[in-house]
PDB file of N, CA and C in Angstrom:
ATOM      1  N   MET A   1     -30.174 -27.715  22.680  1.00  0.00           N
ATOM      2  CA  MET A   1     -29.116 -26.739  22.627  1.00  0.00           C
ATOM      3  C   MET A   1     -27.931 -27.333  21.856  1.00  0.00           C
ATOM      4  N   VAL A   2     -27.416 -26.564  20.904  1.00  0.00           N
ATOM      5  CA  VAL A   2     -26.303 -27.019  20.068  1.00  0.00           C
ATOM      6  C   VAL A   2     -24.992 -26.739  20.786  1.00  0.00           C
ATOM      7  N   LYS A   3     -24.151 -27.756  20.850  1.00  0.00           N
ATOM      8  CA  LYS A   3     -22.847 -27.570  21.476  1.00  0.00           C
ATOM      9  C   LYS A   3     -21.918 -26.822  20.539  1.00  0.00           C
ATOM     10  N   LYS A   4     -21.092 -25.985  21.136  1.00  0.00           N
ATOM     11  CA  LYS A   4     -20.094 -25.261  20.374  1.00  0.00           C
ATOM     12  C   LYS A   4     -18.915 -26.185  20.091  1.00  0.00           C
ATOM     13  N   ARG A   5     -18.352 -26.076  18.891  1.00  0.00           N
ATOM     14  CA  ARG A   5     -17.228 -26.944  18.518  1.00  0.00           C
ATOM     15  C   ARG A   5     -15.992 -26.542  19.300  1.00  0.00           C
ATOM     16  N   HIS A   6     -15.276 -27.513  19.780  1.00  0.00           N
ATOM     17  CA  HIS A   6     -14.044 -27.264  20.525  1.00  0.00           C
ATOM     18  C   HIS A   6     -12.862 -27.155  19.555  1.00  0.00           C
ATOM     19  N   TYR A   7     -12.068 -26.101  19.722  1.00  0.00           N
ATOM     20  CA  TYR A   7     -10.844 -25.936  18.944  1.00  0.00           C
ATOM     21  C   TYR A   7      -9.660 -25.948  19.895  1.00  0.00           C
ATOM     22  N   PRO A   8      -8.525 -26.479  19.470  1.00  0.00           N
ATOM     23  CA  PRO A   8      -7.338 -26.471  20.330  1.00  0.00           C
ATOM     24  C   PRO A   8      -6.798 -25.044  20.490  1.00  0.00           C
ATOM     25  N   PRO A   9      -6.034 -24.797  21.541  1.00  0.00           N
ATOM     26  CA  PRO A   9      -5.497 -23.449  21.770  1.00  0.00           C
ATOM     27  C   PRO A   9      -4.645 -22.937  20.610  1.00  0.00           C
ATOM     28  N   ALA A  10      -3.962 -23.829  19.901  1.00  0.00           N
ATOM     29  CA  ALA A  10      -3.131 -23.399  18.771  1.00  0.00           C
ATOM     30  C   ALA A  10      -3.977 -22.749  17.678  1.00  0.00           C
ATOM     31  N   TYR A  11      -5.196 -23.222  17.505  1.00  0.00           N
ATOM     32  CA  TYR A  11      -6.103 -22.655  16.503  1.00  0.00           C
ATOM     33  C   TYR A  11      -6.388 -21.190  16.834  1.00  0.00           C
ATOM     34  N   TYR A  12      -6.643 -20.894  18.095  1.00  0.00           N
ATOM     35  CA  TYR A  12      -6.943 -19.522  18.503  1.00  0.00           C
ATOM     36  C   TYR A  12      -5.696 -18.637  18.399  1.00  0.00           C
ATOM     37  N   ARG A  13      -4.530 -19.173  18.732  1.00  0.00           N
ATOM     38  CA  ARG A  13      -3.294 -18.401  18.586  1.00  0.00           C
ATOM     39  C   ARG A  13      -3.028 -18.074  17.116  1.00  0.00           C
ATOM     40  N   TYR A  14      -3.255 -19.050  16.245  1.00  0.00           N
ATOM     41  CA  TYR A  14      -3.049 -18.827  14.811  1.00  0.00           C
ATOM     42  C   TYR A  14      -4.010 -17.748  14.297  1.00  0.00           C
ATOM     43  N   ASN A  15      -5.270 -17.823  14.692  1.00  0.00           N
ATOM     44  CA  ASN A  15      -6.252 -16.826  14.256  1.00  0.00           C
ATOM     45  C   ASN A  15      -5.923 -15.439  14.789  1.00  0.00           C
ATOM     46  N   GLU A  16      -5.329 -15.386  15.958  1.00  0.00           N
ATOM     47  CA  GLU A  16      -4.971 -14.091  16.528  1.00  0.00           C
ATOM     48  C   GLU A  16      -3.814 -13.455  15.762  1.00  0.00           C
ATOM     49  N   LYS A  17      -2.858 -14.244  15.314  1.00  0.00           N
ATOM     50  CA  LYS A  17      -1.680 -13.721  14.615  1.00  0.00           C
ATOM     51  C   LYS A  17      -1.878 -13.579  13.111  1.00  0.00           C
ATOM     52  N   SER A  18      -2.819 -14.325  12.539  1.00  0.00           N
ATOM     53  CA  SER A  18      -3.025 -14.326  11.090  1.00  0.00           C
ATOM     54  C   SER A  18      -4.465 -13.918  10.795  1.00  0.00           C
ATOM     55  N   LYS A  19      -4.651 -12.648  10.545  1.00  0.00           N
ATOM     56  CA  LYS A  19      -5.996 -12.139  10.276  1.00  0.00           C
ATOM     57  C   LYS A  19      -6.408 -12.464   8.842  1.00  0.00           C
ATOM     58  N   THR A  20      -7.697 -12.676   8.645  1.00  0.00           N
ATOM     59  CA  THR A  20      -8.244 -13.038   7.343  1.00  0.00           C
ATOM     60  C   THR A  20      -8.898 -11.822   6.704  1.00  0.00           C
ATOM     61  N   ILE A  21      -8.659 -11.667   5.410  1.00  0.00           N
ATOM     62  CA  ILE A  21      -9.309 -10.615   4.629  1.00  0.00           C
ATOM     63  C   ILE A  21     -10.042 -11.295   3.490  1.00  0.00           C
ATOM     64  N   SER A  22     -11.283 -10.922   3.293  1.00  0.00           N
ATOM     65  CA  SER A  22     -12.088 -11.506   2.221  1.00  0.00           C
ATOM     66  C   SER A  22     -12.422 -10.422   1.205  1.00  0.00           C
ATOM     67  N   ILE A  23     -12.194 -10.722  -0.065  1.00  0.00           N
ATOM     68  CA  ILE A  23     -12.453  -9.770  -1.145  1.00  0.00           C
ATOM     69  C   ILE A  23     -13.277 -10.467  -2.214  1.00  0.00           C
ATOM     70  N   ARG A  24     -14.245  -9.769  -2.750  1.00  0.00           N
ATOM     71  CA  ARG A  24     -15.026 -10.305  -3.863  1.00  0.00           C
ATOM     72  C   ARG A  24     -14.679  -9.534  -5.129  1.00  0.00           C
ATOM     73  N   PHE A  25     -14.427 -10.283  -6.199  1.00  0.00           N
ATOM     74  CA  PHE A  25     -14.099  -9.701  -7.494  1.00  0.00           C
ATOM     75  C   PHE A  25     -15.169 -10.077  -8.503  1.00  0.00           C
ATOM     76  N   ARG A  26     -15.349  -9.210  -9.484  1.00  0.00           N
ATOM     77  CA  ARG A  26     -16.153  -9.618 -10.640  1.00  0.00           C
ATOM     78  C   ARG A  26     -15.358 -10.658 -11.400  1.00  0.00           C
ATOM     79  N   LYS A  27     -16.031 -11.454 -12.185  1.00  0.00           N
ATOM     80  CA  LYS A  27     -15.392 -12.566 -12.893  1.00  0.00           C
ATOM     81  C   LYS A  27     -14.260 -12.080 -13.801  1.00  0.00           C
ATOM     82  N   GLU A  28     -14.499 -10.997 -14.546  1.00  0.00           N
ATOM     83  CA  GLU A  28     -13.447 -10.531 -15.464  1.00  0.00           C
ATOM     84  C   GLU A  28     -12.240  -9.980 -14.700  1.00  0.00           C
ATOM     85  N   ASP A  29     -12.467  -9.319 -13.559  1.00  0.00           N
ATOM     86  CA  ASP A  29     -11.348  -8.836 -12.751  1.00  0.00           C
ATOM     87  C   ASP A  29     -10.573 -10.002 -12.138  1.00  0.00           C
ATOM     88  N   TYR A  30     -11.280 -11.017 -11.700  1.00  0.00           N
ATOM     89  CA  TYR A  30     -10.627 -12.184 -11.121  1.00  0.00           C
ATOM     90  C   TYR A  30      -9.762 -12.887 -12.162  1.00  0.00           C
ATOM     91  N   ASP A  31     -10.274 -12.987 -13.383  1.00  0.00           N
ATOM     92  CA  ASP A  31      -9.491 -13.619 -14.445  1.00  0.00           C
ATOM     93  C   ASP A  31      -8.205 -12.840 -14.732  1.00  0.00           C
ATOM     94  N   LYS A  32      -8.290 -11.500 -14.715  1.00  0.00           N
ATOM     95  CA  LYS A  32      -7.093 -10.675 -14.919  1.00  0.00           C
ATOM     96  C   LYS A  32      -6.103 -10.867 -13.772  1.00  0.00           C
ATOM     97  N   LEU A  33      -6.620 -10.896 -12.549  1.00  0.00           N
ATOM     98  CA  LEU A  33      -5.766 -11.099 -11.382  1.00  0.00           C
ATOM     99  C   LEU A  33      -5.096 -12.461 -11.422  1.00  0.00           C
ATOM    100  N   GLU A  34      -5.852 -13.463 -11.816  1.00  0.00           N
ATOM    101  CA  GLU A  34      -5.312 -14.816 -11.919  1.00  0.00           C
ATOM    102  C   GLU A  34      -4.199 -14.883 -12.969  1.00  0.00           C
ATOM    103  N   ALA A  35      -4.394 -14.188 -14.093  1.00  0.00           N
ATOM    104  CA  ALA A  35      -3.374 -14.170 -15.147  1.00  0.00           C
ATOM    105  C   ALA A  35      -2.109 -13.461 -14.672  1.00  0.00           C
ATOM    106  N   MET A  36      -2.259 -12.347 -13.940  1.00  0.00           N
ATOM    107  CA  MET A  36      -1.089 -11.623 -13.432  1.00  0.00           C
ATOM    108  C   MET A  36      -0.331 -12.472 -12.411  1.00  0.00           C
ATOM    109  N   ALA A  37      -1.054 -13.178 -11.568  1.00  0.00           N
ATOM    110  CA  ALA A  37      -0.405 -14.032 -10.568  1.00  0.00           C
ATOM    111  C   ALA A  37       0.332 -15.180 -11.246  1.00  0.00           C
ATOM    112  N   LYS A  38      -0.257 -15.703 -12.321  1.00  0.00           N
ATOM    113  CA  LYS A  38       0.391 -16.807 -13.040  1.00  0.00           C
ATOM    114  C   LYS A  38       1.688 -16.327 -13.695  1.00  0.00           C
ATOM    115  N   VAL A  39       1.679 -15.107 -14.246  1.00  0.00           N
ATOM    116  CA  VAL A  39       2.882 -14.545 -14.861  1.00  0.00           C
ATOM    117  C   VAL A  39       3.966 -14.346 -13.803  1.00  0.00           C
ATOM    118  N   ALA A  40       3.563 -13.931 -12.610  1.00  0.00           N
ATOM    119  CA  ALA A  40       4.516 -13.719 -11.520  1.00  0.00           C
ATOM    120  C   ALA A  40       4.916 -15.033 -10.851  1.00  0.00           C
ATOM    121  N   ASN A  41       4.309 -16.135 -11.272  1.00  0.00           N
ATOM    122  CA  ASN A  41       4.590 -17.465 -10.726  1.00  0.00           C
ATOM    123  C   ASN A  41       4.306 -17.521  -9.225  1.00  0.00           C
ATOM    124  N   LYS A  42       3.159 -16.941  -8.827  1.00  0.00           N
ATOM    125  CA  LYS A  42       2.737 -16.915  -7.434  1.00  0.00           C
ATOM    126  C   LYS A  42       1.269 -17.305  -7.352  1.00  0.00           C
ATOM    127  N   SER A  43       0.859 -17.664  -6.152  1.00  0.00           N
ATOM    128  CA  SER A  43      -0.571 -17.872  -5.936  1.00  0.00           C
ATOM    129  C   SER A  43      -1.238 -16.496  -5.894  1.00  0.00           C
ATOM    130  N   ILE A  44      -2.537 -16.472  -6.017  1.00  0.00           N
ATOM    131  CA  ILE A  44      -3.253 -15.193  -6.004  1.00  0.00           C
ATOM    132  C   ILE A  44      -3.048 -14.490  -4.667  1.00  0.00           C
ATOM    133  N   ALA A  45      -3.120 -15.245  -3.572  1.00  0.00           N
ATOM    134  CA  ALA A  45      -2.939 -14.644  -2.244  1.00  0.00           C
ATOM    135  C   ALA A  45      -1.533 -14.060  -2.091  1.00  0.00           C
ATOM    136  N   ASP A  46      -0.513 -14.797  -2.538  1.00  0.00           N
ATOM    137  CA  ASP A  46       0.863 -14.291  -2.444  1.00  0.00           C
ATOM    138  C   ASP A  46       1.067 -13.073  -3.338  1.00  0.00           C
ATOM    139  N   PHE A  47       0.442 -13.082  -4.505  1.00  0.00           N
ATOM    140  CA  PHE A  47       0.557 -11.943  -5.417  1.00  0.00           C
ATOM    141  C   PHE A  47      -0.054 -10.692  -4.799  1.00  0.00           C
ATOM    142  N   ILE A  48      -1.244 -10.818  -4.228  1.00  0.00           N
ATOM    143  CA  ILE A  48      -1.899  -9.667  -3.598  1.00  0.00           C
ATOM    144  C   ILE A  48      -1.085  -9.200  -2.391  1.00  0.00           C
ATOM    145  N   ARG A  49      -0.606 -10.142  -1.588  1.00  0.00           N
ATOM    146  CA  ARG A  49       0.177  -9.794  -0.395  1.00  0.00           C
ATOM    147  C   ARG A  49       1.439  -9.022  -0.792  1.00  0.00           C
ATOM    148  N   SER A  50       2.173  -9.513  -1.784  1.00  0.00           N
ATOM    149  CA  SER A  50       3.410  -8.839  -2.186  1.00  0.00           C
ATOM    150  C   SER A  50       3.120  -7.471  -2.807  1.00  0.00           C
ATOM    151  N   THR A  51       2.025  -7.371  -3.551  1.00  0.00           N
ATOM    152  CA  THR A  51       1.658  -6.095  -4.164  1.00  0.00           C
ATOM    153  C   THR A  51       1.335  -5.062  -3.102  1.00  0.00           C
ATOM    154  N   VAL A  52       0.563  -5.441  -2.107  1.00  0.00           N
ATOM    155  CA  VAL A  52       0.180  -4.505  -1.053  1.00  0.00           C
ATOM    156  C   VAL A  52       1.401  -4.091  -0.234  1.00  0.00           C
ATOM    157  N   LEU A  53       2.254  -5.041   0.110  1.00  0.00           N
ATOM    158  CA  LEU A  53       3.436  -4.711   0.912  1.00  0.00           C
ATOM    159  C   LEU A  53       4.406  -3.838   0.129  1.00  0.00           C
ATOM    160  N   ASN A  54       4.583  -4.105  -1.173  1.00  0.00           N
ATOM    161  CA  ASN A  54       5.456  -3.263  -2.000  1.00  0.00           C
ATOM    162  C   ASN A  54       4.891  -1.860  -2.122  1.00  0.00           C
ATOM    163  N   PHE A  55       3.565  -1.746  -2.232  1.00  0.00           N
ATOM    164  CA  PHE A  55       2.938  -0.432  -2.324  1.00  0.00           C
ATOM    165  C   PHE A  55       3.157   0.347  -1.033  1.00  0.00           C
ATOM    166  N   ARG A  56       3.062  -0.342   0.104  1.00  0.00           N
ATOM    167  CA  ARG A  56       3.262   0.332   1.387  1.00  0.00           C
ATOM    168  C   ARG A  56       4.688   0.850   1.500  1.00  0.00           C
ATOM    169  N   GLU A  57       5.679   0.061   1.096  1.00  0.00           N
ATOM    170  CA  GLU A  57       7.073   0.505   1.142  1.00  0.00           C
ATOM    171  C   GLU A  57       7.304   1.682   0.199  1.00  0.00           C
ATOM    172  N   GLU A  58       6.712   1.608  -1.000  1.00  0.00           N
ATOM    173  CA  GLU A  58       6.861   2.693  -1.965  1.00  0.00           C
ATOM    174  C   GLU A  58       6.225   3.974  -1.443  1.00  0.00           C
ATOM    175  N   LEU A  59       5.064   3.846  -0.805  1.00  0.00           N
ATOM    176  CA  LEU A  59       4.382   5.013  -0.247  1.00  0.00           C
ATOM    177  C   LEU A  59       5.208   5.637   0.871  1.00  0.00           C
ATOM    178  N   ASN A  60       5.771   4.818   1.743  1.00  0.00           N
ATOM    179  CA  ASN A  60       6.616   5.343   2.820  1.00  0.00           C
ATOM    180  C   ASN A  60       7.837   6.054   2.256  1.00  0.00           C
ATOM    181  N   ASN A  61       8.453   5.495   1.212  1.00  0.00           N
ATOM    182  CA  ASN A  61       9.616   6.134   0.587  1.00  0.00           C
ATOM    183  C   ASN A  61       9.227   7.466  -0.048  1.00  0.00           C
ATOM    184  N   THR A  62       8.061   7.518  -0.686  1.00  0.00           N
ATOM    185  CA  THR A  62       7.602   8.749  -1.320  1.00  0.00           C
ATOM    186  C   THR A  62       7.353   9.829  -0.277  1.00  0.00           C
ATOM    187  N   ILE A  63       6.704   9.456   0.819  1.00  0.00           N
ATOM    188  CA  ILE A  63       6.436  10.424   1.882  1.00  0.00           C
ATOM    189  C   ILE A  63       7.745  10.960   2.449  1.00  0.00           C
ATOM    190  N   GLU A  64       8.712  10.082   2.654  1.00  0.00           N
ATOM    191  CA  GLU A  64      10.005  10.509   3.186  1.00  0.00           C
ATOM    192  C   GLU A  64      10.712  11.432   2.203  1.00  0.00           C
ATOM    193  N   ASN A  65      10.665  11.114   0.903  1.00  0.00           N
ATOM    194  CA  ASN A  65      11.320  11.960  -0.105  1.00  0.00           C
ATOM    195  C   ASN A  65      10.675  13.340  -0.169  1.00  0.00           C
ATOM    196  N   VAL A  66       9.349  13.389  -0.134  1.00  0.00           N
ATOM    197  CA  VAL A  66       8.648  14.671  -0.190  1.00  0.00           C
ATOM    198  C   VAL A  66       8.992  15.505   1.044  1.00  0.00           C
ATOM    199  N   TYR A  67       9.046  14.853   2.201  1.00  0.00           N
ATOM    200  CA  TYR A  67       9.426  15.561   3.424  1.00  0.00           C
ATOM    201  C   TYR A  67      10.830  16.135   3.295  1.00  0.00           C
ATOM    202  N   ASN A  68      11.769  15.335   2.797  1.00  0.00           N
ATOM    203  CA  ASN A  68      13.156  15.787   2.661  1.00  0.00           C
ATOM    204  C   ASN A  68      13.281  16.936   1.672  1.00  0.00           C
ATOM    205  N   ILE A  69      12.525  16.879   0.577  1.00  0.00           N
ATOM    206  CA  ILE A  69      12.563  17.964  -0.416  1.00  0.00           C
ATOM    207  C   ILE A  69      12.024  19.250   0.200  1.00  0.00           C
ATOM    208  N   GLY A  70      10.890  19.147   0.891  1.00  0.00           N
ATOM    209  CA  GLY A  70      10.305  20.326   1.525  1.00  0.00           C
ATOM    210  C   GLY A  70      11.205  20.908   2.594  1.00  0.00           C
ATOM    211  N   TYR A  71      11.848  20.052   3.364  1.00  0.00           N
ATOM    212  CA  TYR A  71      12.769  20.509   4.406  1.00  0.00           C
ATOM    213  C   TYR A  71      13.961  21.222   3.784  1.00  0.00           C
ATOM    214  N   ALA A  72      14.521  20.627   2.718  1.00  0.00           N
ATOM    215  CA  ALA A  72      15.670  21.239   2.049  1.00  0.00           C
ATOM    216  C   ALA A  72      15.280  22.581   1.419  1.00  0.00           C
ATOM    217  N   ASP A  73      14.081  22.657   0.837  1.00  0.00           N
ATOM    218  CA  ASP A  73      13.625  23.919   0.259  1.00  0.00           C
ATOM    219  C   ASP A  73      13.482  24.996   1.332  1.00  0.00           C
ATOM    220  N   GLY A  74      12.970  24.602   2.496  1.00  0.00           N
ATOM    221  CA  GLY A  74      12.824  25.564   3.581  1.00  0.00           C
ATOM    222  C   GLY A  74      14.170  26.059   4.083  1.00  0.00           C
ATOM    223  N   ILE A  75      15.144  25.159   4.183  1.00  0.00           N
ATOM    224  CA  ILE A  75      16.489  25.544   4.642  1.00  0.00           C
ATOM    225  C   ILE A  75      17.150  26.466   3.629  1.00  0.00           C
ATOM    226  N   ASN A  76      16.958  26.180   2.340  1.00  0.00           N
ATOM    227  CA  ASN A  76      17.610  26.961   1.281  1.00  0.00           C
ATOM    228  C   ASN A  76      16.845  28.228   0.933  1.00  0.00           C
ATOM    229  N   GLY A  77      15.687  28.454   1.536  1.00  0.00           N
ATOM    230  CA  GLY A  77      14.927  29.677   1.305  1.00  0.00           C
ATOM    231  C   GLY A  77      14.211  29.730  -0.030  1.00  0.00           C
ATOM    232  N   LYS A  78      13.918  28.582  -0.638  1.00  0.00           N
ATOM    233  CA  LYS A  78      13.186  28.589  -1.902  1.00  0.00           C
ATOM    234  C   LYS A  78      11.737  28.999  -1.666  1.00  0.00           C
ATOM    235  N   PRO A  79      11.092  29.581  -2.675  1.00  0.00           N
ATOM    236  CA  PRO A  79       9.682  29.948  -2.512  1.00  0.00           C
ATOM    237  C   PRO A  79       8.798  28.706  -2.441  1.00  0.00           C
ATOM    238  N   HIS A  80       7.595  28.877  -1.938  1.00  0.00           N
ATOM    239  CA  HIS A  80       6.654  27.770  -1.818  1.00  0.00           C
ATOM    240  C   HIS A  80       6.306  27.214  -3.194  1.00  0.00           C
ATOM    241  N   ARG A  81       6.070  25.922  -3.264  1.00  0.00           N
ATOM    242  CA  ARG A  81       5.712  25.289  -4.531  1.00  0.00           C
ATOM    243  C   ARG A  81       4.231  25.371  -4.823  1.00  0.00           C
ATOM    244  N   TYR A  82       3.439  25.743  -3.834  1.00  0.00           N
ATOM    245  CA  TYR A  82       1.990  25.751  -4.006  1.00  0.00           C
ATOM    246  C   TYR A  82       1.461  27.153  -3.763  1.00  0.00           C
ATOM    247  N   ARG A  83       0.518  27.549  -4.602  1.00  0.00           N
ATOM    248  CA  ARG A  83      -0.179  28.796  -4.378  1.00  0.00           C
ATOM    249  C   ARG A  83      -1.223  28.579  -3.303  1.00  0.00           C
ATOM    250  N   GLN A  84      -1.936  29.618  -2.971  1.00  0.00           N
ATOM    251  CA  GLN A  84      -2.927  29.537  -1.892  1.00  0.00           C
ATOM    252  C   GLN A  84      -4.012  28.504  -2.195  1.00  0.00           C
ATOM    253  N   ASN A  85      -4.403  28.366  -3.481  1.00  0.00           N
ATOM    254  CA  ASN A  85      -5.486  27.455  -3.830  1.00  0.00           C
ATOM    255  C   ASN A  85      -4.993  26.035  -4.108  1.00  0.00           C
ATOM    256  N   GLY A  86      -3.712  25.736  -3.864  1.00  0.00           N
ATOM    257  CA  GLY A  86      -3.200  24.390  -4.004  1.00  0.00           C
ATOM    258  C   GLY A  86      -2.646  24.045  -5.368  1.00  0.00           C
ATOM    259  N   VAL A  87      -2.549  25.017  -6.271  1.00  0.00           N
ATOM    260  CA  VAL A  87      -2.022  24.758  -7.611  1.00  0.00           C
ATOM    261  C   VAL A  87      -0.503  24.704  -7.545  1.00  0.00           C
ATOM    262  N   VAL A  88       0.086  23.720  -8.207  1.00  0.00           N
ATOM    263  CA  VAL A  88       1.538  23.579  -8.199  1.00  0.00           C
ATOM    264  C   VAL A  88       2.155  24.662  -9.060  1.00  0.00           C
ATOM    265  N   VAL A  89       3.152  25.368  -8.505  1.00  0.00           N
ATOM    266  CA  VAL A  89       3.817  26.450  -9.230  1.00  0.00           C
ATOM    267  C   VAL A  89       4.845  25.878 -10.186  1.00  0.00           C
ATOM    268  N   GLY A  90       5.660  24.949  -9.744  1.00  0.00           N
ATOM    269  CA  GLY A  90       6.693  24.339 -10.565  1.00  0.00           C
ATOM    270  C   GLY A  90       7.145  23.062  -9.894  1.00  0.00           C
ATOM    271  N   ASN A  91       8.133  22.417 -10.475  1.00  0.00           N
ATOM    272  CA  ASN A  91       8.608  21.194  -9.847  1.00  0.00           C
ATOM    273  C   ASN A  91       9.686  21.457  -8.809  1.00  0.00           C
ATOM    274  N   GLY A  92      10.041  22.716  -8.600  1.00  0.00           N
ATOM    275  CA  GLY A  92      11.005  23.049  -7.562  1.00  0.00           C
ATOM    276  C   GLY A  92      12.443  23.083  -8.029  1.00  0.00           C
ATOM    277  N   ASN A  93      12.686  22.689  -9.268  1.00  0.00           N
ATOM    278  CA  ASN A  93      14.049  22.649  -9.774  1.00  0.00           C
ATOM    279  C   ASN A  93      14.442  23.955 -10.469  1.00  0.00           C
ATOM    280  N   GLU A  94      13.471  24.823 -10.760  1.00  0.00           N
ATOM    281  CA  GLU A  94      13.771  26.058 -11.461  1.00  0.00           C
ATOM    282  C   GLU A  94      14.338  27.063 -10.484  1.00  0.00           C
ATOM    283  N   GLU A  95      15.240  27.877 -10.965  1.00  0.00           N
ATOM    284  CA  GLU A  95      15.762  28.984 -10.172  1.00  0.00           C
ATOM    285  C   GLU A  95      14.928  30.199 -10.517  1.00  0.00           C
ATOM    286  N   GLU A  96      14.372  30.844  -9.492  1.00  0.00           N
ATOM    287  CA  GLU A  96      13.503  31.998  -9.746  1.00  0.00           C
ATOM    288  C   GLU A  96      14.154  33.259  -9.310  1.00  0.00           C
TER     289      GLU A  96
END
């Protein structure tokens, strides 16, 4: 019977707080990613981390802006921006 390796409690606490994500890239994609990280003067992991976190903040800001625009349009009595089939009527800035 093979004995299980003993790890100190700090190892388990670290693993609990710092989750690992593994990604596989094709060679040409990895080379592009490596070049972008080098231009940003970051490691590949830091570059991916900052990109994902910035995207999340941008997405949250976009959702909030769209909500505020829709709320303001509803208060001001503007017509709907979308037809029944989901086609955009206008950008909402036109007076109809």
